Protein backbone atom coordinates (compact mmCIF):
# COMPACT_ATOMS: atom_id res chain seq x y z
CA MET A 1 -65.67 0.77 10.10
CA ILE A 2 -66.87 1.17 6.54
CA ARG A 3 -64.16 0.20 4.04
CA ILE A 4 -65.30 1.14 0.55
CA PRO A 5 -63.41 0.19 -2.65
CA PHE A 6 -62.38 3.52 -4.13
CA VAL A 7 -61.60 2.36 -7.65
CA ASP A 8 -64.12 3.91 -10.06
CA GLY A 9 -64.51 7.42 -11.46
CA TRP A 10 -60.81 8.24 -11.73
CA THR A 11 -58.99 10.04 -14.52
CA VAL A 12 -55.30 9.99 -15.36
CA GLY A 13 -53.10 12.16 -17.53
CA PRO A 14 -49.58 13.51 -17.66
CA LYS A 15 -48.80 15.93 -14.86
CA LEU A 16 -48.61 19.41 -16.36
CA GLY A 17 -46.55 22.27 -15.03
CA ALA A 18 -48.16 25.27 -13.38
CA PHE A 19 -48.25 27.27 -16.61
CA GLU A 20 -48.76 24.46 -19.12
CA ALA A 21 -52.05 24.22 -20.99
CA ILE A 22 -53.81 20.97 -21.82
CA THR A 23 -53.02 19.97 -25.40
CA GLU A 24 -53.99 17.08 -27.62
CA GLY A 25 -52.72 13.89 -26.05
CA SER A 26 -52.43 15.38 -22.58
CA GLU A 27 -56.13 15.35 -21.74
CA PRO A 28 -57.02 13.26 -18.69
CA ARG A 29 -58.76 10.01 -19.62
CA PRO A 30 -61.10 7.90 -17.48
CA VAL A 31 -59.67 4.79 -15.82
CA ALA A 32 -60.59 2.28 -13.14
CA LEU A 33 -58.14 1.23 -10.45
CA PRO A 34 -55.85 -0.61 -10.07
CA HIS A 35 -54.17 0.92 -13.11
CA ASP A 36 -50.76 0.93 -14.74
CA ALA A 37 -50.12 4.32 -16.35
CA ILE A 38 -47.20 3.05 -18.45
CA ARG A 39 -48.45 -0.23 -19.90
CA ASP A 40 -50.31 1.29 -22.88
CA LEU A 41 -47.73 3.95 -23.73
CA GLU A 42 -45.63 3.60 -26.85
CA ARG A 43 -42.35 1.75 -26.48
CA SER A 44 -39.20 3.11 -28.10
CA ALA A 45 -35.62 1.93 -28.43
CA ASP A 46 -34.66 5.52 -27.59
CA SER A 47 -36.46 5.45 -24.23
CA PRO A 48 -34.13 6.73 -21.49
CA GLN A 49 -35.61 4.02 -19.25
CA GLY A 50 -33.78 1.43 -21.33
CA VAL A 51 -34.01 -2.33 -21.45
CA HIS A 52 -34.78 -2.76 -17.74
CA ALA A 53 -38.15 -1.07 -18.19
CA GLY A 54 -38.87 -2.86 -21.46
CA TYR A 55 -38.19 0.37 -23.37
CA TYR A 56 -41.35 1.94 -22.00
CA PRO A 57 -41.13 5.65 -21.20
CA GLY A 58 -41.19 7.06 -17.71
CA GLY A 59 -43.11 10.12 -16.71
CA VAL A 60 -45.11 11.98 -14.12
CA PHE A 61 -48.79 11.07 -13.96
CA GLU A 62 -51.70 12.71 -12.21
CA TYR A 63 -54.77 10.77 -11.05
CA ALA A 64 -57.91 12.61 -9.99
CA LYS A 65 -61.30 11.72 -8.58
CA SER A 66 -64.25 13.75 -7.30
CA PHE A 67 -66.56 12.33 -4.63
CA ASP A 68 -69.38 13.52 -2.42
CA VAL A 69 -68.78 13.90 1.31
CA PRO A 70 -72.05 13.84 3.28
CA GLU A 71 -72.57 16.17 6.22
CA GLU A 72 -72.83 13.23 8.65
CA TRP A 73 -69.16 12.41 8.06
CA ARG A 74 -68.23 15.54 10.01
CA ASP A 75 -68.28 13.46 13.20
CA ARG A 76 -66.48 10.48 11.67
CA THR A 77 -62.86 9.65 10.88
CA VAL A 78 -62.20 9.48 7.13
CA GLU A 79 -59.05 8.06 5.52
CA LEU A 80 -57.78 6.89 2.17
CA GLU A 81 -55.86 3.62 2.15
CA PHE A 82 -53.43 3.09 -0.73
CA GLU A 83 -51.97 -0.41 -1.10
CA GLY A 84 -49.25 0.85 -3.43
CA VAL A 85 -48.51 3.79 -5.74
CA TYR A 86 -45.45 3.75 -7.98
CA ARG A 87 -43.65 6.02 -7.14
CA HIS A 88 -43.07 9.09 -4.96
CA ALA A 89 -46.82 9.48 -4.53
CA VAL A 90 -47.95 12.98 -3.58
CA VAL A 91 -51.58 13.29 -2.43
CA TYR A 92 -53.65 16.49 -2.57
CA VAL A 93 -57.17 16.93 -1.22
CA ASN A 94 -59.12 19.89 -2.64
CA GLY A 95 -55.81 21.29 -3.85
CA ASP A 96 -54.09 21.08 -0.47
CA TYR A 97 -51.03 18.91 0.15
CA ALA A 98 -51.95 15.92 2.32
CA ALA A 99 -49.18 13.29 2.10
CA HIS A 100 -46.03 12.05 0.36
CA GLU A 101 -44.98 8.39 0.15
CA PRO A 102 -41.65 7.77 -1.64
CA ASN A 103 -41.77 3.96 -1.53
CA GLY A 104 -43.52 2.56 -4.57
CA TYR A 105 -44.42 -0.72 -2.84
CA ALA A 106 -45.45 0.32 0.68
CA ALA A 107 -49.08 0.66 1.71
CA PHE A 108 -49.97 3.97 3.36
CA THR A 109 -52.99 5.86 4.65
CA VAL A 110 -53.94 9.51 4.35
CA ALA A 111 -56.15 11.22 6.94
CA LEU A 112 -58.70 13.28 5.02
CA ASP A 113 -60.40 14.98 7.99
CA PRO A 114 -58.37 18.23 7.93
CA PHE A 115 -59.14 18.83 4.26
CA LEU A 116 -62.73 17.74 3.65
CA ARG A 117 -65.63 20.04 2.78
CA TYR A 118 -68.69 18.40 4.28
CA GLY A 119 -71.93 18.39 2.33
CA GLN A 120 -69.99 19.15 -0.86
CA THR A 121 -68.16 17.46 -3.71
CA ASN A 122 -64.50 17.00 -2.90
CA ARG A 123 -61.56 16.24 -5.16
CA VAL A 124 -58.47 14.14 -4.53
CA THR A 125 -55.43 14.09 -6.83
CA ILE A 126 -52.38 11.85 -6.70
CA GLU A 127 -49.13 12.45 -8.53
CA ALA A 128 -46.89 9.46 -9.32
CA ARG A 129 -43.41 9.40 -10.87
CA SER A 130 -41.35 6.79 -12.66
CA HIS A 131 -37.95 7.67 -14.10
CA LYS A 132 -34.98 5.28 -14.35
CA ASP A 133 -35.49 4.08 -10.79
CA SER A 134 -35.48 0.29 -11.16
CA ARG A 135 -33.76 -2.69 -12.81
CA TRP A 136 -37.06 -4.23 -13.98
CA TYR A 137 -40.43 -3.20 -15.31
CA THR A 138 -42.29 -1.42 -12.52
CA GLY A 139 -45.27 0.18 -14.21
CA ALA A 140 -46.42 3.46 -12.70
CA GLY A 141 -49.36 5.05 -10.96
CA ILE A 142 -52.01 3.68 -8.62
CA TYR A 143 -51.35 0.05 -9.52
CA ARG A 144 -52.73 -1.50 -6.32
CA PRO A 145 -56.22 -1.07 -4.77
CA VAL A 146 -57.44 2.02 -2.92
CA HIS A 147 -60.08 2.08 -0.17
CA LEU A 148 -62.07 4.88 1.42
CA VAL A 149 -62.32 4.21 5.15
CA VAL A 150 -65.06 5.82 7.27
CA ALA A 151 -64.98 5.00 10.98
CA ASP A 152 -66.17 6.08 14.41
CA PRO A 153 -63.75 8.54 16.07
CA VAL A 154 -62.95 5.64 18.40
CA HIS A 155 -62.01 2.79 16.12
CA ILE A 156 -59.68 -0.07 15.27
CA PRO A 157 -57.09 1.39 12.88
CA LEU A 158 -56.10 -0.42 9.72
CA ASP A 159 -53.84 -3.37 10.55
CA GLY A 160 -54.83 -2.83 14.19
CA VAL A 161 -55.42 -6.55 14.92
CA ARG A 162 -52.49 -8.93 15.23
CA VAL A 163 -52.87 -12.68 15.70
CA THR A 164 -50.24 -15.21 16.76
CA THR A 165 -50.44 -18.90 17.67
CA PRO A 166 -47.62 -19.33 20.21
CA ASP A 167 -48.68 -22.61 21.85
CA ILE A 168 -49.93 -25.62 19.87
CA ASP A 169 -50.32 -29.24 20.87
CA ALA A 170 -52.49 -32.20 19.89
CA LEU A 171 -55.38 -31.09 22.12
CA ARG A 172 -55.66 -27.37 21.41
CA ALA A 173 -53.99 -24.28 20.02
CA ILE A 174 -53.65 -20.99 21.87
CA VAL A 175 -54.63 -18.03 19.70
CA ALA A 176 -53.23 -14.75 21.02
CA VAL A 177 -54.94 -11.60 19.72
CA ALA A 178 -53.71 -8.04 20.24
CA THR A 179 -56.10 -5.28 19.19
CA THR A 180 -55.30 -1.57 19.11
CA ALA A 181 -58.05 1.03 19.47
CA ARG A 182 -57.55 4.71 18.61
CA ASN A 183 -59.44 7.64 20.16
CA THR A 184 -59.46 10.81 18.04
CA THR A 185 -61.95 12.64 20.28
CA ARG A 186 -61.34 15.05 23.19
CA HIS A 187 -62.93 12.70 25.71
CA THR A 188 -61.93 9.47 27.42
CA ARG A 189 -63.87 6.53 26.00
CA THR A 190 -64.51 3.13 27.58
CA ALA A 191 -65.77 0.29 25.41
CA ARG A 192 -65.99 -3.47 25.53
CA ILE A 193 -63.92 -5.33 23.00
CA ARG A 194 -65.13 -8.76 21.88
CA TRP A 195 -63.23 -11.42 19.97
CA SER A 196 -64.89 -14.35 18.15
CA VAL A 197 -62.83 -17.00 16.39
CA LEU A 198 -64.58 -18.64 13.42
CA ASP A 199 -63.52 -21.82 11.67
CA ALA A 200 -63.25 -22.23 7.89
CA GLY A 201 -67.00 -22.82 7.65
CA GLY A 202 -67.87 -19.66 9.59
CA THR A 203 -68.84 -21.41 12.83
CA GLU A 204 -67.76 -19.77 16.06
CA VAL A 205 -65.34 -22.01 17.97
CA VAL A 206 -64.39 -19.72 20.87
CA SER A 207 -64.98 -16.15 22.06
CA THR A 208 -64.03 -13.78 24.85
CA SER A 209 -64.23 -10.08 25.74
CA ALA A 210 -62.61 -7.39 27.88
CA PRO A 211 -63.15 -3.73 28.76
CA LEU A 212 -60.89 -1.14 27.16
CA THR A 213 -60.41 2.53 28.06
CA VAL A 214 -58.74 4.86 25.56
CA LEU A 215 -57.62 8.35 26.54
CA PRO A 216 -58.20 11.33 24.20
CA GLY A 217 -55.79 11.46 21.28
CA GLU A 218 -54.15 8.16 22.24
CA THR A 219 -54.22 4.48 21.42
CA ALA A 220 -54.66 1.50 23.73
CA THR A 221 -54.09 -2.20 23.16
CA ALA A 222 -56.18 -5.04 24.53
CA ARG A 223 -54.98 -8.64 24.47
CA ALA A 224 -56.66 -12.01 24.75
CA ARG A 225 -55.57 -15.65 24.68
CA VAL A 226 -58.16 -18.23 23.72
CA ALA A 227 -57.90 -21.98 23.23
CA VAL A 228 -59.13 -23.54 19.99
CA ALA A 229 -59.85 -27.22 20.61
CA ALA A 230 -58.64 -29.77 18.02
CA ALA A 231 -57.32 -26.95 15.85
CA GLN A 232 -56.91 -27.56 12.13
CA LEU A 233 -53.34 -26.49 11.36
CA TRP A 234 -52.25 -24.45 8.34
CA SER A 235 -49.56 -25.94 6.11
CA PRO A 236 -48.77 -26.05 2.38
CA ASP A 237 -50.68 -29.35 2.15
CA THR A 238 -53.62 -28.27 4.34
CA PRO A 239 -54.02 -24.48 4.13
CA THR A 240 -56.86 -24.23 6.66
CA LEU A 241 -57.81 -20.67 7.61
CA TYR A 242 -59.62 -19.19 10.59
CA THR A 243 -61.12 -15.73 11.09
CA VAL A 244 -61.15 -13.60 14.21
CA VAL A 245 -63.98 -11.05 14.35
CA THR A 246 -63.03 -8.14 16.61
CA ALA A 247 -65.82 -5.78 17.71
CA LEU A 248 -65.87 -2.57 19.74
CA ALA A 249 -69.16 -2.16 21.58
CA ASN A 250 -70.83 0.45 23.78
CA GLU A 251 -72.06 -0.35 27.31
CA ASP A 252 -75.48 -1.24 25.90
CA GLY A 253 -73.88 -3.84 23.62
CA SER A 254 -74.28 -1.93 20.35
CA VAL A 255 -71.26 -2.45 18.07
CA PHE A 256 -69.70 0.71 16.62
CA ASP A 257 -66.62 -0.78 14.96
CA GLU A 258 -65.64 -4.22 13.67
CA ASP A 259 -62.67 -5.88 12.03
CA ARG A 260 -62.36 -9.32 10.40
CA THR A 261 -58.88 -10.84 10.34
CA VAL A 262 -58.04 -14.06 8.49
CA PHE A 263 -55.20 -16.12 9.98
CA GLY A 264 -53.79 -19.62 10.11
CA ILE A 265 -52.71 -21.75 13.06
CA ARG A 266 -49.20 -23.04 12.49
CA ARG A 267 -45.83 -23.39 14.23
CA LEU A 268 -42.50 -22.41 12.63
CA GLN A 269 -39.12 -23.86 13.61
CA LEU A 270 -35.68 -23.39 12.09
CA ASP A 271 -32.38 -25.00 13.08
CA PRO A 272 -29.19 -26.32 11.38
CA GLN A 273 -30.09 -29.97 11.92
CA HIS A 274 -33.64 -30.03 10.58
CA GLY A 275 -33.83 -26.86 8.51
CA LEU A 276 -37.29 -25.31 8.26
CA ARG A 277 -40.14 -27.15 9.96
CA ILE A 278 -43.83 -26.28 9.90
CA ASN A 279 -45.94 -27.95 12.58
CA GLY A 280 -42.97 -30.21 13.32
CA GLU A 281 -42.67 -31.45 9.73
CA VAL A 282 -39.55 -30.70 7.65
CA VAL A 283 -40.38 -28.57 4.61
CA LYS A 284 -38.03 -28.31 1.63
CA LEU A 285 -38.64 -25.06 -0.23
CA ARG A 286 -39.28 -25.49 -3.95
CA GLY A 287 -39.54 -21.83 -4.83
CA ALA A 288 -39.84 -19.29 -7.59
CA CYS A 289 -38.82 -15.62 -7.68
CA VAL A 290 -41.91 -13.63 -8.64
CA HIS A 291 -41.96 -10.03 -9.83
CA HIS A 292 -45.07 -7.97 -9.16
CA ASP A 293 -46.17 -7.41 -12.77
CA SER A 294 -48.67 -9.72 -14.47
CA GLY A 295 -47.40 -9.83 -18.03
CA PRO A 296 -49.90 -8.26 -20.43
CA LEU A 297 -51.79 -6.72 -17.49
CA GLY A 298 -48.72 -4.70 -16.62
CA ALA A 299 -48.22 -3.84 -12.96
CA ALA A 300 -51.93 -3.53 -12.13
CA THR A 301 -52.71 -5.84 -9.20
CA ILE A 302 -55.88 -7.75 -10.06
CA ASP A 303 -57.09 -10.24 -7.43
CA ALA A 304 -58.09 -12.90 -9.95
CA ALA A 305 -54.75 -12.63 -11.78
CA GLU A 306 -52.79 -13.01 -8.55
CA ASP A 307 -54.88 -16.04 -7.56
CA ARG A 308 -54.37 -17.60 -10.99
CA ARG A 309 -50.60 -17.14 -10.81
CA VAL A 310 -50.40 -18.75 -7.38
CA ARG A 311 -52.60 -21.67 -8.47
CA LEU A 312 -50.45 -22.28 -11.56
CA LEU A 313 -47.29 -22.29 -9.46
CA LYS A 314 -48.86 -24.71 -7.00
CA ASP A 315 -50.03 -27.01 -9.80
CA ALA A 316 -46.51 -26.94 -11.29
CA GLY A 317 -45.04 -28.31 -8.06
CA PHE A 318 -43.87 -25.15 -6.32
CA ASN A 319 -44.54 -24.68 -2.63
CA SER A 320 -42.97 -21.24 -2.11
CA ILE A 321 -42.25 -17.88 -3.70
CA ARG A 322 -39.84 -15.05 -3.06
CA SER A 323 -41.07 -11.57 -3.93
CA ALA A 324 -38.53 -10.08 -6.28
CA HIS A 325 -37.36 -7.53 -5.24
CA ASN A 326 -39.92 -5.67 -3.20
CA PRO A 327 -42.89 -6.31 -0.89
CA VAL A 328 -45.56 -8.43 -2.54
CA SER A 329 -49.21 -7.32 -2.74
CA ARG A 330 -51.94 -8.19 -0.24
CA ALA A 331 -53.81 -9.96 -3.05
CA THR A 332 -50.85 -12.28 -3.63
CA LEU A 333 -50.54 -13.04 0.08
CA ASP A 334 -54.26 -13.80 0.29
CA ALA A 335 -53.88 -16.25 -2.59
CA CYS A 336 -50.83 -17.87 -0.98
CA ASP A 337 -52.79 -18.27 2.27
CA ARG A 338 -55.66 -19.97 0.43
CA HIS A 339 -53.55 -22.29 -1.71
CA GLY A 340 -50.71 -23.13 0.68
CA ILE A 341 -47.73 -21.35 -0.87
CA LEU A 342 -44.97 -20.20 1.49
CA VAL A 343 -43.61 -16.68 1.06
CA MET A 344 -40.29 -14.95 1.55
CA ASP A 345 -41.30 -11.28 1.35
CA GLU A 346 -38.46 -9.01 0.27
CA LEU A 347 -38.01 -5.49 1.61
CA THR A 348 -35.96 -3.84 -1.11
CA ASP A 349 -33.46 -4.14 -3.95
CA VAL A 350 -31.05 -1.49 -2.59
CA TRP A 351 -29.94 0.01 0.68
CA THR A 352 -27.61 3.00 0.50
CA GLU A 353 -25.68 2.24 -2.72
CA SER A 354 -27.64 2.87 -5.90
CA LYS A 355 -28.05 0.51 -8.85
CA THR A 356 -29.95 2.96 -11.07
CA ALA A 357 -29.89 6.74 -11.24
CA PHE A 358 -33.02 7.50 -9.22
CA ASP A 359 -33.71 4.36 -7.22
CA SER A 360 -34.83 4.10 -3.59
CA SER A 361 -31.28 4.43 -2.22
CA LEU A 362 -31.94 8.19 -2.32
CA THR A 363 -34.47 7.91 0.51
CA PHE A 364 -33.65 4.56 2.14
CA PRO A 365 -31.32 5.80 4.93
CA ASP A 366 -34.04 8.14 6.21
CA ARG A 367 -37.07 5.99 5.40
CA TRP A 368 -36.07 2.42 6.22
CA ARG A 369 -37.99 2.27 9.51
CA GLN A 370 -41.24 3.30 7.79
CA ASP A 371 -40.58 0.78 5.02
CA VAL A 372 -39.97 -2.04 7.51
CA ALA A 373 -43.08 -1.09 9.49
CA ALA A 374 -45.23 -1.12 6.33
CA LEU A 375 -43.86 -4.54 5.32
CA VAL A 376 -44.53 -6.11 8.72
CA ALA A 377 -47.98 -4.53 9.12
CA LYS A 378 -49.04 -6.00 5.77
CA ASP A 379 -47.60 -9.46 6.41
CA PHE A 380 -48.13 -10.09 10.10
CA ASN A 381 -51.38 -12.10 10.01
CA HIS A 382 -50.62 -14.09 6.86
CA PRO A 383 -49.65 -17.71 7.66
CA SER A 384 -48.04 -18.02 4.24
CA VAL A 385 -45.28 -15.56 5.18
CA VAL A 386 -42.48 -17.50 6.87
CA LEU A 387 -39.41 -15.43 5.93
CA TYR A 388 -38.53 -11.78 5.45
CA SER A 389 -35.69 -10.85 3.10
CA ILE A 390 -34.07 -7.56 4.10
CA GLY A 391 -32.50 -7.04 0.68
CA ASN A 392 -31.56 -8.42 -2.72
CA GLU A 393 -28.05 -8.45 -4.23
CA ILE A 394 -27.02 -5.76 -1.79
CA LEU A 395 -23.78 -4.03 -2.81
CA GLU A 396 -22.74 -3.12 0.74
CA LEU A 397 -22.76 -6.65 2.18
CA ALA A 398 -19.02 -7.33 2.02
CA SER A 399 -18.14 -4.31 4.16
CA PRO A 400 -18.29 -3.35 7.85
CA ILE A 401 -20.94 -0.71 7.15
CA GLY A 402 -22.96 -3.23 5.20
CA ALA A 403 -22.82 -5.64 8.12
CA THR A 404 -24.06 -2.85 10.36
CA TRP A 405 -26.98 -2.14 8.06
CA SER A 406 -27.78 -5.85 7.83
CA ARG A 407 -28.00 -6.19 11.59
CA ARG A 408 -29.92 -2.92 11.91
CA LEU A 409 -32.58 -3.98 9.41
CA ALA A 410 -32.92 -7.48 10.83
CA GLU A 411 -33.34 -6.05 14.33
CA GLY A 412 -35.87 -3.54 13.03
CA ILE A 413 -37.98 -6.43 11.73
CA ARG A 414 -37.55 -8.48 14.90
CA GLU A 415 -38.72 -5.56 17.04
CA LEU A 416 -42.03 -5.66 15.15
CA ASP A 417 -42.28 -9.39 14.41
CA ASP A 418 -40.19 -11.99 16.22
CA THR A 419 -42.25 -14.93 14.93
CA ARG A 420 -40.46 -15.23 11.57
CA PHE A 421 -36.91 -15.35 10.19
CA SER A 422 -34.96 -12.69 8.25
CA PRO A 423 -32.37 -13.64 5.61
CA THR A 424 -30.62 -11.33 3.15
CA GLY A 425 -30.39 -12.17 -0.54
CA SER A 426 -26.72 -11.78 -1.46
CA THR A 427 -27.10 -13.12 -5.00
CA ALA A 428 -30.00 -14.29 -7.11
CA SER A 429 -29.31 -17.91 -6.15
CA SER A 430 -28.02 -17.88 -2.58
CA ARG A 431 -28.80 -16.52 0.87
CA THR A 432 -26.70 -15.30 3.78
CA TRP A 433 -28.35 -15.24 7.17
CA SER A 434 -28.40 -11.92 8.97
CA GLY A 435 -27.07 -11.97 12.50
């Protein structure tokens, strides 16, 4: 798999109607991603967005980028991976509708194959909307990274490797790896899948392999359990990381797809007597609620800025954060993994009862499963994530229907990840545990 940062050569401007002409001030301007389309706009006390958005205006913004598609990609699988677009992202490829993602914080992928013109210059455009849909400053546009993914028709899809550490003792740790392969061809394909676990210094500590057959148009999952001797455990005080390299190879041994997954070896426990324990040690959470914007940088997610924020929190004595009030970025989770900060990742600020005129309650009843799946897929391999929050200051909680939603969401997370715990934020300062 080739995963190319797709961040340069973009333009952004206000989205014009079908019969509107470009006028002064509406011309597209060049930008690099990640980018916040609102940050540099003029603030006004008369802004309909109001105080919650810092009196910045809303709007509809259109991003565009042209790129060359070589002829040899005709036999490859090509996708765009968006880590987050705020909000109601609509993607067009060469003028044709390709995808719509309402959630402004969920990662999503767009298959480009049906729309590409091989051997030619192609154009992708993304519309993003922000209009009185939040109780805090959200920014707008393609504010998290974008990647162009080019892979063999038989490949490991994005987030297709999941790692758990279900059995740990003083002598060794069992690392369980589940890898999904996808076959987009018309023919059955058999490959050998190899797993190599590397320590923090890049030295291989254990490896194994297995054959895998994938039928046309389907996916198949291969699993392995390997023992890491004298494993170095991940904790807030010793955030040691390992990497599993997963490779798909032909019968002659040639590798045609590869994935590198960073993970930590640690054991979580939770009970009324001891509270939260990591690797058998009681951990008291000293946390901060962290919104996704970075002050003067706006909502743009810059790796170095996220790392700096996490380091400053760690140096100030914090050992945990709660994402307020939406899923945190991959860059933040990477920084928390490196520096030993625990994470409660929050799904949403609303369920079915709105708090602002155009918030995500409009789509949540129909979209919650996709939102939960995106949250878990992003978080699964990060040792820093120990808790999921299924909601913040939810208005429905003190009702029978609210209790039903609470259980439904918690079960939806457990179906995808039963290795962590799922509280609901009932107020800004307390938690009620979902049954």
